[in-house]
PDB file of N, CA and C in Angstrom:
ATOM      1  N   MET A   1       6.293  89.341  95.266  1.00  0.00           N
ATOM      2  CA  MET A   1       4.915  89.662  95.506  1.00  0.00           C
ATOM      3  C   MET A   1       4.100  89.512  94.219  1.00  0.00           C
ATOM      4  N   PHE A   2       4.589  90.041  93.098  1.00  0.00           N
ATOM      5  CA  PHE A   2       3.819  89.979  91.861  1.00  0.00           C
ATOM      6  C   PHE A   2       3.617  88.546  91.385  1.00  0.00           C
ATOM      7  N   GLN A   3       4.619  87.702  91.594  1.00  0.00           N
ATOM      8  CA  GLN A   3       4.455  86.301  91.213  1.00  0.00           C
ATOM      9  C   GLN A   3       3.371  85.632  92.047  1.00  0.00           C
ATOM     10  N   LYS A   4       3.320  85.956  93.323  1.00  0.00           N
ATOM     11  CA  LYS A   4       2.320  85.342  94.205  1.00  0.00           C
ATOM     12  C   LYS A   4       0.900  85.707  93.805  1.00  0.00           C
ATOM     13  N   VAL A   5       0.709  86.911  93.295  1.00  0.00           N
ATOM     14  CA  VAL A   5      -0.634  87.338  92.898  1.00  0.00           C
ATOM     15  C   VAL A   5      -0.831  87.248  91.381  1.00  0.00           C
ATOM     16  N   HIS A   6       0.110  86.598  90.713  1.00  0.00           N
ATOM     17  CA  HIS A   6       0.025  86.313  89.275  1.00  0.00           C
ATOM     18  C   HIS A   6      -0.081  87.567  88.406  1.00  0.00           C
ATOM     19  N   VAL A   7       0.718  88.566  88.725  1.00  0.00           N
ATOM     20  CA  VAL A   7       0.794  89.777  87.912  1.00  0.00           C
ATOM     21  C   VAL A   7       2.073  89.679  87.090  1.00  0.00           C
ATOM     22  N   PRO A   8       1.953  89.679  85.776  1.00  0.00           N
ATOM     23  CA  PRO A   8       3.165  89.575  84.958  1.00  0.00           C
ATOM     24  C   PRO A   8       4.031  90.832  85.090  1.00  0.00           C
ATOM     25  N   ILE A   9       5.325  90.628  85.076  1.00  0.00           N
ATOM     26  CA  ILE A   9       6.280  91.741  85.161  1.00  0.00           C
ATOM     27  C   ILE A   9       6.754  92.052  83.749  1.00  0.00           C
ATOM     28  N   LEU A  10       6.488  93.259  83.296  1.00  0.00           N
ATOM     29  CA  LEU A  10       6.918  93.667  81.958  1.00  0.00           C
ATOM     30  C   LEU A  10       8.419  93.896  81.910  1.00  0.00           C
ATOM     31  N   GLY A  11       8.960  94.384  83.000  1.00  0.00           N
ATOM     32  CA  GLY A  11      10.382  94.664  83.053  1.00  0.00           C
ATOM     33  C   GLY A  11      10.693  95.554  84.237  1.00  0.00           C
ATOM     34  N   LEU A  12      11.968  95.832  84.393  1.00  0.00           N
ATOM     35  CA  LEU A  12      12.424  96.681  85.493  1.00  0.00           C
ATOM     36  C   LEU A  12      13.118  97.916  84.953  1.00  0.00           C
ATOM     37  N   ILE A  13      12.933  99.001  85.662  1.00  0.00           N
ATOM     38  CA  ILE A  13      13.570 100.276  85.336  1.00  0.00           C
ATOM     39  C   ILE A  13      14.366 100.705  86.550  1.00  0.00           C
ATOM     40  N   GLN A  14      15.586 101.128  86.325  1.00  0.00           N
ATOM     41  CA  GLN A  14      16.385 101.664  87.424  1.00  0.00           C
ATOM     42  C   GLN A  14      16.225 103.178  87.405  1.00  0.00           C
ATOM     43  N   ASN A  15      15.564 103.693  88.431  1.00  0.00           N
ATOM     44  CA  ASN A  15      15.285 105.125  88.520  1.00  0.00           C
ATOM     45  C   ASN A  15      16.429 105.850  89.225  1.00  0.00           C
ATOM     46  N   MET A  16      16.680 107.070  88.810  1.00  0.00           N
ATOM     47  CA  MET A  16      17.736 107.925  89.381  1.00  0.00           C
ATOM     48  C   MET A  16      19.084 107.194  89.371  1.00  0.00           C
ATOM     49  N   SER A  17      19.368 106.531  88.292  1.00  0.00           N
ATOM     50  CA  SER A  17      20.524 105.643  88.247  1.00  0.00           C
ATOM     51  C   SER A  17      21.810 106.321  87.803  1.00  0.00           C
ATOM     52  N   LEU A  18      21.695 107.299  86.968  1.00  0.00           N
ATOM     53  CA  LEU A  18      22.894 107.872  86.362  1.00  0.00           C
ATOM     54  C   LEU A  18      22.867 109.385  86.498  1.00  0.00           C
ATOM     55  N   TYR A  19      23.927 109.924  87.050  1.00  0.00           N
ATOM     56  CA  TYR A  19      24.038 111.377  87.184  1.00  0.00           C
ATOM     57  C   TYR A  19      25.148 111.855  86.266  1.00  0.00           C
ATOM     58  N   THR A  20      24.830 112.812  85.421  1.00  0.00           N
ATOM     59  CA  THR A  20      25.831 113.406  84.543  1.00  0.00           C
ATOM     60  C   THR A  20      26.136 114.807  85.049  1.00  0.00           C
ATOM     61  N   CYS A  21      27.386 115.054  85.373  1.00  0.00           N
ATOM     62  CA  CYS A  21      27.810 116.357  85.887  1.00  0.00           C
ATOM     63  C   CYS A  21      27.604 117.420  84.802  1.00  0.00           C
ATOM     64  N   PRO A  22      26.878 118.474  85.138  1.00  0.00           N
ATOM     65  CA  PRO A  22      26.631 119.515  84.138  1.00  0.00           C
ATOM     66  C   PRO A  22      27.885 120.318  83.791  1.00  0.00           C
ATOM     67  N   HIS A  23      28.908 120.218  84.620  1.00  0.00           N
ATOM     68  CA  HIS A  23      30.124 120.997  84.399  1.00  0.00           C
ATOM     69  C   HIS A  23      31.154 120.264  83.553  1.00  0.00           C
ATOM     70  N   CYS A  24      31.388 118.996  83.888  1.00  0.00           N
ATOM     71  CA  CYS A  24      32.437 118.259  83.176  1.00  0.00           C
ATOM     72  C   CYS A  24      31.894 117.200  82.229  1.00  0.00           C
ATOM     73  N   GLY A  25      30.601 116.825  82.392  1.00  0.00           N
ATOM     74  CA  GLY A  25      30.000 115.837  81.517  1.00  0.00           C
ATOM     75  C   GLY A  25      30.233 114.392  81.914  1.00  0.00           C
ATOM     76  N   ASP A  26      30.983 114.160  83.006  1.00  0.00           N
ATOM     77  CA  ASP A  26      31.214 112.784  83.458  1.00  0.00           C
ATOM     78  C   ASP A  26      29.922 112.204  84.034  1.00  0.00           C
ATOM     79  N   ALA A  27      29.684 110.932  83.738  1.00  0.00           N
ATOM     80  CA  ALA A  27      28.495 110.250  84.236  1.00  0.00           C
ATOM     81  C   ALA A  27      28.892 109.263  85.323  1.00  0.00           C
ATOM     82  N   SER A  28      28.092 109.203  86.386  1.00  0.00           N
ATOM     83  CA  SER A  28      28.340 108.291  87.498  1.00  0.00           C
ATOM     84  C   SER A  28      27.049 107.610  87.900  1.00  0.00           C
ATOM     85  N   HIS A  29      27.148 106.321  88.205  1.00  0.00           N
ATOM     86  CA  HIS A  29      26.023 105.595  88.783  1.00  0.00           C
ATOM     87  C   HIS A  29      26.047 105.882  90.288  1.00  0.00           C
ATOM     88  N   VAL A  30      25.229 106.813  90.720  1.00  0.00           N
ATOM     89  CA  VAL A  30      25.235 107.305  92.090  1.00  0.00           C
ATOM     90  C   VAL A  30      24.923 106.200  93.092  1.00  0.00           C
ATOM     91  N   PHE A  31      23.972 105.343  92.768  1.00  0.00           N
ATOM     92  CA  PHE A  31      23.533 104.304  93.694  1.00  0.00           C
ATOM     93  C   PHE A  31      24.036 102.927  93.278  1.00  0.00           C
ATOM     94  N   GLY A  32      25.083 102.886  92.512  1.00  0.00           N
ATOM     95  CA  GLY A  32      25.646 101.620  92.048  1.00  0.00           C
ATOM     96  C   GLY A  32      25.283 101.361  90.596  1.00  0.00           C
ATOM     97  N   SER A  33      25.946 100.399  90.017  1.00  0.00           N
ATOM     98  CA  SER A  33      25.727 100.084  88.612  1.00  0.00           C
ATOM     99  C   SER A  33      24.387  99.392  88.410  1.00  0.00           C
ATOM    100  N   THR A  34      24.100  99.062  87.188  1.00  0.00           N
ATOM    101  CA  THR A  34      22.848  98.377  86.867  1.00  0.00           C
ATOM    102  C   THR A  34      22.942  96.868  87.097  1.00  0.00           C
ATOM    103  N   ASP A  35      24.067  96.388  87.605  1.00  0.00           N
ATOM    104  CA  ASP A  35      24.263  94.942  87.776  1.00  0.00           C
ATOM    105  C   ASP A  35      23.174  94.289  88.619  1.00  0.00           C
ATOM    106  N   ALA A  36      22.806  94.890  89.743  1.00  0.00           N
ATOM    107  CA  ALA A  36      21.800  94.290  90.629  1.00  0.00           C
ATOM    108  C   ALA A  36      20.442  94.210  89.943  1.00  0.00           C
ATOM    109  N   VAL A  37      20.074  95.259  89.221  1.00  0.00           N
ATOM    110  CA  VAL A  37      18.790  95.258  88.519  1.00  0.00           C
ATOM    111  C   VAL A  37      18.812  94.222  87.403  1.00  0.00           C
ATOM    112  N   ARG A  38      19.907  94.130  86.712  1.00  0.00           N
ATOM    113  CA  ARG A  38      20.017  93.138  85.629  1.00  0.00           C
ATOM    114  C   ARG A  38      19.967  91.703  86.189  1.00  0.00           C
ATOM    115  N   ARG A  39      20.539  91.495  87.375  1.00  0.00           N
ATOM    116  CA  ARG A  39      20.436  90.165  88.009  1.00  0.00           C
ATOM    117  C   ARG A  39      18.983  89.851  88.357  1.00  0.00           C
ATOM    118  N   LEU A  40      18.266  90.839  88.897  1.00  0.00           N
ATOM    119  CA  LEU A  40      16.847  90.647  89.197  1.00  0.00           C
ATOM    120  C   LEU A  40      16.065  90.314  87.930  1.00  0.00           C
ATOM    121  N   CYS A  41      16.389  90.987  86.856  1.00  0.00           N
ATOM    122  CA  CYS A  41      15.723  90.697  85.583  1.00  0.00           C
ATOM    123  C   CYS A  41      15.965  89.250  85.176  1.00  0.00           C
ATOM    124  N   ALA A  42      17.184  88.801  85.308  1.00  0.00           N
ATOM    125  CA  ALA A  42      17.510  87.415  84.959  1.00  0.00           C
ATOM    126  C   ALA A  42      16.783  86.445  85.886  1.00  0.00           C
ATOM    127  N   ASP A  43      16.748  86.753  87.184  1.00  0.00           N
ATOM    128  CA  ASP A  43      16.097  85.882  88.162  1.00  0.00           C
ATOM    129  C   ASP A  43      14.595  85.736  87.907  1.00  0.00           C
ATOM    130  N   TYR A  44      13.965  86.806  87.448  1.00  0.00           N
ATOM    131  CA  TYR A  44      12.519  86.809  87.269  1.00  0.00           C
ATOM    132  C   TYR A  44      12.088  86.803  85.806  1.00  0.00           C
ATOM    133  N   ASN A  45      13.035  86.525  84.926  1.00  0.00           N
ATOM    134  CA  ASN A  45      12.748  86.466  83.493  1.00  0.00           C
ATOM    135  C   ASN A  45      12.028  87.731  83.021  1.00  0.00           C
ATOM    136  N   ALA A  46      12.561  88.874  83.418  1.00  0.00           N
ATOM    137  CA  ALA A  46      11.988  90.171  83.060  1.00  0.00           C
ATOM    138  C   ALA A  46      13.006  90.942  82.230  1.00  0.00           C
ATOM    139  N   ASN A  47      12.516  91.857  81.435  1.00  0.00           N
ATOM    140  CA  ASN A  47      13.403  92.689  80.622  1.00  0.00           C
ATOM    141  C   ASN A  47      13.920  93.868  81.430  1.00  0.00           C
ATOM    142  N   PHE A  48      15.151  94.253  81.150  1.00  0.00           N
ATOM    143  CA  PHE A  48      15.675  95.504  81.687  1.00  0.00           C
ATOM    144  C   PHE A  48      15.219  96.594  80.729  1.00  0.00           C
ATOM    145  N   LEU A  49      14.407  97.513  81.214  1.00  0.00           N
ATOM    146  CA  LEU A  49      13.797  98.518  80.347  1.00  0.00           C
ATOM    147  C   LEU A  49      14.594  99.801  80.234  1.00  0.00           C
ATOM    148  N   GLY A  50      15.468 100.086  81.203  1.00  0.00           N
ATOM    149  CA  GLY A  50      16.288 101.281  81.066  1.00  0.00           C
ATOM    150  C   GLY A  50      16.687 101.923  82.375  1.00  0.00           C
ATOM    151  N   ASP A  51      17.526 102.916  82.229  1.00  0.00           N
ATOM    152  CA  ASP A  51      18.026 103.738  83.335  1.00  0.00           C
ATOM    153  C   ASP A  51      17.432 105.131  83.213  1.00  0.00           C
ATOM    154  N   ILE A  52      16.681 105.546  84.205  1.00  0.00           N
ATOM    155  CA  ILE A  52      16.180 106.922  84.238  1.00  0.00           C
ATOM    156  C   ILE A  52      17.228 107.750  84.977  1.00  0.00           C
ATOM    157  N   PRO A  53      17.738 108.796  84.354  1.00  0.00           N
ATOM    158  CA  PRO A  53      18.811 109.559  84.991  1.00  0.00           C
ATOM    159  C   PRO A  53      18.340 110.360  86.199  1.00  0.00           C
ATOM    160  N   LEU A  54      19.275 110.658  87.065  1.00  0.00           N
ATOM    161  CA  LEU A  54      19.044 111.559  88.188  1.00  0.00           C
ATOM    162  C   LEU A  54      19.287 112.966  87.650  1.00  0.00           C
ATOM    163  N   ASP A  55      18.226 113.696  87.420  1.00  0.00           N
ATOM    164  CA  ASP A  55      18.344 115.005  86.774  1.00  0.00           C
ATOM    165  C   ASP A  55      17.265 115.925  87.330  1.00  0.00           C
ATOM    166  N   SER A  56      17.671 117.054  87.853  1.00  0.00           N
ATOM    167  CA  SER A  56      16.716 117.971  88.473  1.00  0.00           C
ATOM    168  C   SER A  56      15.700 118.506  87.472  1.00  0.00           C
ATOM    169  N   LYS A  57      16.032 118.520  86.189  1.00  0.00           N
ATOM    170  CA  LYS A  57      15.091 119.032  85.190  1.00  0.00           C
ATOM    171  C   LYS A  57      13.875 118.116  85.041  1.00  0.00           C
ATOM    172  N   ILE A  58      14.043 116.830  85.344  1.00  0.00           N
ATOM    173  CA  ILE A  58      12.904 115.910  85.294  1.00  0.00           C
ATOM    174  C   ILE A  58      11.902 116.284  86.380  1.00  0.00           C
ATOM    175  N   SER A  59      12.389 116.504  87.596  1.00  0.00           N
ATOM    176  CA  SER A  59      11.466 116.857  88.680  1.00  0.00           C
ATOM    177  C   SER A  59      10.910 118.267  88.503  1.00  0.00           C
ATOM    178  N   GLU A  60      11.694 119.186  87.962  1.00  0.00           N
ATOM    179  CA  GLU A  60      11.193 120.543  87.707  1.00  0.00           C
ATOM    180  C   GLU A  60      10.025 120.504  86.726  1.00  0.00           C
ATOM    181  N   ALA A  61      10.175 119.712  85.667  1.00  0.00           N
ATOM    182  CA  ALA A  61       9.096 119.591  84.684  1.00  0.00           C
ATOM    183  C   ALA A  61       7.871 118.951  85.328  1.00  0.00           C
ATOM    184  N   ALA A  62       8.088 117.886  86.105  1.00  0.00           N
ATOM    185  CA  ALA A  62       6.974 117.207  86.765  1.00  0.00           C
ATOM    186  C   ALA A  62       6.265 118.135  87.748  1.00  0.00           C
ATOM    187  N   ASP A  63       7.038 118.921  88.498  1.00  0.00           N
ATOM    188  CA  ASP A  63       6.444 119.857  89.453  1.00  0.00           C
ATOM    189  C   ASP A  63       5.580 120.907  88.755  1.00  0.00           C
ATOM    190  N   SER A  64       5.928 121.213  87.509  1.00  0.00           N
ATOM    191  CA  SER A  64       5.136 122.194  86.760  1.00  0.00           C
ATOM    192  C   SER A  64       3.957 121.525  86.040  1.00  0.00           C
ATOM    193  N   GLY A  65       3.824 120.210  86.216  1.00  0.00           N
ATOM    194  CA  GLY A  65       2.708 119.496  85.628  1.00  0.00           C
ATOM    195  C   GLY A  65       2.929 119.056  84.196  1.00  0.00           C
ATOM    196  N   LYS A  66       4.187 119.089  83.746  1.00  0.00           N
ATOM    197  CA  LYS A  66       4.490 118.720  82.363  1.00  0.00           C
ATOM    198  C   LYS A  66       5.553 117.631  82.341  1.00  0.00           C
ATOM    199  N   PRO A  67       5.346 116.620  81.516  1.00  0.00           N
ATOM    200  CA  PRO A  67       6.384 115.587  81.408  1.00  0.00           C
ATOM    201  C   PRO A  67       7.628 116.145  80.714  1.00  0.00           C
ATOM    202  N   THR A  68       8.760 115.595  81.087  1.00  0.00           N
ATOM    203  CA  THR A  68      10.019 116.071  80.518  1.00  0.00           C
ATOM    204  C   THR A  68      10.046 115.926  78.999  1.00  0.00           C
ATOM    205  N   VAL A  69       9.334 114.928  78.462  1.00  0.00           N
ATOM    206  CA  VAL A  69       9.311 114.749  77.005  1.00  0.00           C
ATOM    207  C   VAL A  69       8.537 115.860  76.309  1.00  0.00           C
ATOM    208  N   ALA A  70       7.649 116.542  77.034  1.00  0.00           N
ATOM    209  CA  ALA A  70       6.919 117.674  76.466  1.00  0.00           C
ATOM    210  C   ALA A  70       7.719 118.964  76.606  1.00  0.00           C
ATOM    211  N   VAL A  71       8.446 119.088  77.715  1.00  0.00           N
ATOM    212  CA  VAL A  71       9.206 120.309  77.979  1.00  0.00           C
ATOM    213  C   VAL A  71      10.436 120.401  77.074  1.00  0.00           C
ATOM    214  N   GLU A  72      11.178 119.316  76.979  1.00  0.00           N
ATOM    215  CA  GLU A  72      12.394 119.287  76.155  1.00  0.00           C
ATOM    216  C   GLU A  72      12.420 117.984  75.348  1.00  0.00           C
ATOM    217  N   PRO A  73      11.610 117.907  74.295  1.00  0.00           N
ATOM    218  CA  PRO A  73      11.480 116.650  73.566  1.00  0.00           C
ATOM    219  C   PRO A  73      12.762 116.152  72.906  1.00  0.00           C
ATOM    220  N   SER A  74      13.698 117.030  72.641  1.00  0.00           N
ATOM    221  CA  SER A  74      14.934 116.589  71.976  1.00  0.00           C
ATOM    222  C   SER A  74      16.073 116.328  72.964  1.00  0.00           C
ATOM    223  N   SER A  75      15.785 116.394  74.264  1.00  0.00           N
ATOM    224  CA  SER A  75      16.835 116.177  75.262  1.00  0.00           C
ATOM    225  C   SER A  75      17.159 114.696  75.407  1.00  0.00           C
ATOM    226  N   GLU A  76      18.322 114.424  75.962  1.00  0.00           N
ATOM    227  CA  GLU A  76      18.722 113.043  76.233  1.00  0.00           C
ATOM    228  C   GLU A  76      17.778 112.395  77.240  1.00  0.00           C
ATOM    229  N   ARG A  77      17.299 113.186  78.214  1.00  0.00           N
ATOM    230  CA  ARG A  77      16.342 112.673  79.201  1.00  0.00           C
ATOM    231  C   ARG A  77      15.082 112.168  78.509  1.00  0.00           C
ATOM    232  N   SER A  78      14.578 112.959  77.592  1.00  0.00           N
ATOM    233  CA  SER A  78      13.374 112.572  76.869  1.00  0.00           C
ATOM    234  C   SER A  78      13.603 111.306  76.058  1.00  0.00           C
ATOM    235  N   ALA A  79      14.771 111.195  75.464  1.00  0.00           N
ATOM    236  CA  ALA A  79      15.100 110.002  74.675  1.00  0.00           C
ATOM    237  C   ALA A  79      15.058 108.753  75.553  1.00  0.00           C
ATOM    238  N   VAL A  80      15.507 108.860  76.793  1.00  0.00           N
ATOM    239  CA  VAL A  80      15.481 107.717  77.713  1.00  0.00           C
ATOM    240  C   VAL A  80      14.040 107.303  77.994  1.00  0.00           C
ATOM    241  N   PHE A  81      13.182 108.275  78.298  1.00  0.00           N
ATOM    242  CA  PHE A  81      11.778 107.972  78.570  1.00  0.00           C
ATOM    243  C   PHE A  81      11.091 107.382  77.335  1.00  0.00           C
ATOM    244  N   MET A  82      11.378 107.930  76.172  1.00  0.00           N
ATOM    245  CA  MET A  82      10.763 107.420  74.952  1.00  0.00           C
ATOM    246  C   MET A  82      11.234 106.001  74.641  1.00  0.00           C
ATOM    247  N   ASP A  83      12.496 105.720  74.921  1.00  0.00           N
ATOM    248  CA  ASP A  83      13.020 104.375  74.713  1.00  0.00           C
ATOM    249  C   ASP A  83      12.326 103.375  75.643  1.00  0.00           C
ATOM    250  N   VAL A  84      12.169 103.749  76.899  1.00  0.00           N
ATOM    251  CA  VAL A  84      11.461 102.881  77.853  1.00  0.00           C
ATOM    252  C   VAL A  84      10.014 102.686  77.392  1.00  0.00           C
ATOM    253  N   ALA A  85       9.355 103.758  76.978  1.00  0.00           N
ATOM    254  CA  ALA A  85       7.966 103.660  76.513  1.00  0.00           C
ATOM    255  C   ALA A  85       7.863 102.735  75.303  1.00  0.00           C
ATOM    256  N   GLN A  86       8.812 102.813  74.388  1.00  0.00           N
ATOM    257  CA  GLN A  86       8.794 101.955  73.209  1.00  0.00           C
ATOM    258  C   GLN A  86       8.982 100.489  73.599  1.00  0.00           C
ATOM    259  N   LYS A  87       9.873 100.232  74.541  1.00  0.00           N
ATOM    260  CA  LYS A  87      10.089  98.859  75.005  1.00  0.00           C
ATOM    261  C   LYS A  87       8.816  98.300  75.647  1.00  0.00           C
ATOM    262  N   ILE A  88       8.136  99.130  76.434  1.00  0.00           N
ATOM    263  CA  ILE A  88       6.886  98.687  77.056  1.00  0.00           C
ATOM    264  C   ILE A  88       5.828  98.445  75.982  1.00  0.00           C
ATOM    265  N   ALA A  89       5.731  99.345  75.032  1.00  0.00           N
ATOM    266  CA  ALA A  89       4.758  99.183  73.944  1.00  0.00           C
ATOM    267  C   ALA A  89       5.008  97.883  73.194  1.00  0.00           C
ATOM    268  N   ASN A  90       6.260  97.576  72.943  1.00  0.00           N
ATOM    269  CA  ASN A  90       6.597  96.326  72.265  1.00  0.00           C
ATOM    270  C   ASN A  90       6.199  95.120  73.103  1.00  0.00           C
ATOM    271  N   ARG A  91       6.420  95.203  74.410  1.00  0.00           N
ATOM    272  CA  ARG A  91       6.110  94.082  75.295  1.00  0.00           C
ATOM    273  C   ARG A  91       4.612  93.796  75.374  1.00  0.00           C
ATOM    274  N   ILE A  92       3.791  94.836  75.260  1.00  0.00           N
ATOM    275  CA  ILE A  92       2.350  94.630  75.378  1.00  0.00           C
ATOM    276  C   ILE A  92       1.659  94.549  74.023  1.00  0.00           C
ATOM    277  N   GLY A  93       2.448  94.533  72.966  1.00  0.00           N
ATOM    278  CA  GLY A  93       1.897  94.298  71.650  1.00  0.00           C
ATOM    279  C   GLY A  93       1.410  95.527  70.905  1.00  0.00           C
ATOM    280  N   LEU A  94       1.769  96.700  71.358  1.00  0.00           N
ATOM    281  CA  LEU A  94       1.417  97.905  70.622  1.00  0.00           C
ATOM    282  C   LEU A  94       2.456  98.118  69.535  1.00  0.00           C
ATOM    283  N   THR A  95       2.023  98.606  68.401  1.00  0.00           N
ATOM    284  CA  THR A  95       2.963  98.894  67.330  1.00  0.00           C
ATOM    285  C   THR A  95       2.821 100.343  66.933  1.00  0.00           C
ATOM    286  N   SER A  96       3.892 100.900  66.432  1.00  0.00           N
ATOM    287  CA  SER A  96       3.875 102.288  65.982  1.00  0.00           C
ATOM    288  C   SER A  96       3.195 102.374  64.617  1.00  0.00           C
ATOM    289  N   SER A  97       2.501 103.467  64.383  1.00  0.00           N
ATOM    290  CA  SER A  97       1.913 103.697  63.066  1.00  0.00           C
ATOM    291  C   SER A  97       3.019 104.107  62.106  1.00  0.00           C
ATOM    292  N   PRO A  98       2.909 103.684  60.851  1.00  0.00           N
ATOM    293  CA  PRO A  98       3.956 104.052  59.874  1.00  0.00           C
ATOM    294  C   PRO A  98       3.979 105.519  59.581  1.00  0.00           C
TER     295      PRO A  98
END
């Protein structure tokens, strides 16, 4: 659809892709690996921007009106969002201030 209307694709993000058990720490790709998304990226010459984990704390923060990066800025979840944001910033030509 985006190609037909000439909208450039910055990249793809796999949402709710990885669940880490809070008890044992094992991580599982609940809905399958990132292979399908990475194939789509290759097919459409788009970047793979990241995996957003399946984590109830993300929705809890959102429900309270606060992004997870504001609620727990040093969490692994926040690091994932910041990494995706940095990749997008790089793609659109934004640079970080020194």
